[in-house]
């Protein structure tokens, strides 16, 4: 699966679960600062990534570098997939 396909799935998840009708979600939108994803949202995102892509995400993986944006999450998942 390509990084672009992963990003598309993540973006679709965020638009469905955390809609912001008047805002555009692009690959570099700051999810924690601009999209207002809270700690529960991070937990739901981890579950989505594990279920959708079959990756195991450890506590040390959950950080701003990996979960900052759709782009950083897609790159993170791609690395996890090998």
Protein backbone atom coordinates (compact mmCIF):
# COMPACT_ATOMS: atom_id res chain seq x y z
CA UNK A 1 0.00 0.00 0.00
CA UNK A 2 1.40 3.39 -0.96
CA UNK A 3 1.81 6.31 1.40
CA UNK A 4 -0.77 8.24 -0.65
CA UNK A 5 -3.34 5.45 -0.20
CA UNK A 6 -2.63 5.34 3.53
CA UNK A 7 -3.02 9.13 3.75
CA UNK A 8 -6.34 8.92 1.89
CA UNK A 9 -7.70 6.37 4.35
CA UNK A 10 -6.55 8.43 7.34
CA UNK A 11 -8.04 11.62 5.89
CA UNK A 12 -11.37 9.84 5.24
CA UNK A 13 -11.38 8.56 8.84
CA UNK A 14 -10.82 12.06 10.24
CA UNK A 15 -13.44 13.65 8.00
CA UNK A 16 -16.01 11.06 9.08
CA UNK A 17 -15.22 10.82 12.79
CA UNK A 18 -14.10 14.42 13.45
CA UNK A 19 -15.86 16.55 10.84
CA UNK A 20 -15.19 20.27 10.64
CA UNK A 21 -17.73 21.37 8.03
CA UNK A 22 -16.12 24.70 7.30
CA UNK A 23 -12.47 23.55 7.36
CA UNK A 24 -10.31 21.76 4.84
CA UNK A 25 -8.19 18.84 5.98
CA UNK A 26 -5.01 18.51 3.99
CA UNK A 27 -1.99 16.31 4.51
CA UNK A 28 -0.17 18.93 6.59
CA UNK A 29 -3.01 20.17 8.82
CA UNK A 30 -1.88 20.16 12.45
CA UNK A 31 -4.31 17.60 13.88
CA UNK A 32 -3.63 18.41 17.51
CA UNK A 33 -3.55 22.19 17.10
CA UNK A 34 -5.84 23.01 14.18
CA UNK A 35 -8.15 20.00 13.97
CA UNK A 36 -8.62 19.78 17.74
CA UNK A 37 -8.05 16.07 18.22
CA UNK A 38 -7.90 15.35 21.95
CA UNK A 39 -6.47 12.41 23.88
CA UNK A 40 -9.55 10.26 23.24
CA UNK A 41 -9.17 11.05 19.55
CA UNK A 42 -5.57 9.86 19.66
CA UNK A 43 -6.72 6.57 21.22
CA UNK A 44 -9.40 6.17 18.53
CA UNK A 45 -6.83 6.97 15.85
CA UNK A 46 -4.44 4.32 17.19
CA UNK A 47 -7.26 1.76 17.13
CA UNK A 48 -8.18 2.77 13.57
CA UNK A 49 -4.57 2.46 12.38
CA UNK A 50 -4.10 -0.93 14.03
CA UNK A 51 -7.40 -2.30 12.70
CA UNK A 52 -7.14 -0.85 9.21
CA UNK A 53 -3.48 -1.44 8.45
CA UNK A 54 -2.67 -4.36 10.74
CA UNK A 55 0.17 -2.59 12.50
CA UNK A 56 1.05 -2.75 16.18
CA UNK A 57 1.49 0.65 17.78
CA UNK A 58 3.37 0.84 21.05
CA UNK A 59 3.17 3.55 23.65
CA UNK A 60 6.54 4.97 22.53
CA UNK A 61 5.16 5.39 18.98
CA UNK A 62 2.43 7.77 20.14
CA UNK A 63 4.09 11.16 19.87
CA UNK A 64 3.78 14.44 18.02
CA UNK A 65 6.33 13.39 15.40
CA UNK A 66 4.16 10.47 14.27
CA UNK A 67 0.68 11.91 14.93
CA UNK A 68 1.11 15.57 13.97
CA UNK A 69 -0.63 15.38 10.58
CA UNK A 70 -2.07 13.03 8.01
CA UNK A 71 1.32 13.10 6.24
CA UNK A 72 3.33 12.15 9.34
CA UNK A 73 0.86 9.39 10.25
CA UNK A 74 0.92 7.97 6.74
CA UNK A 75 4.73 7.92 6.76
CA UNK A 76 4.69 6.28 10.20
CA UNK A 77 2.25 3.55 9.06
CA UNK A 78 4.28 2.97 5.88
CA UNK A 79 7.42 2.45 7.99
CA UNK A 80 5.52 0.05 10.25
CA UNK A 81 4.35 -1.94 7.22
CA UNK A 82 7.97 -2.33 6.12
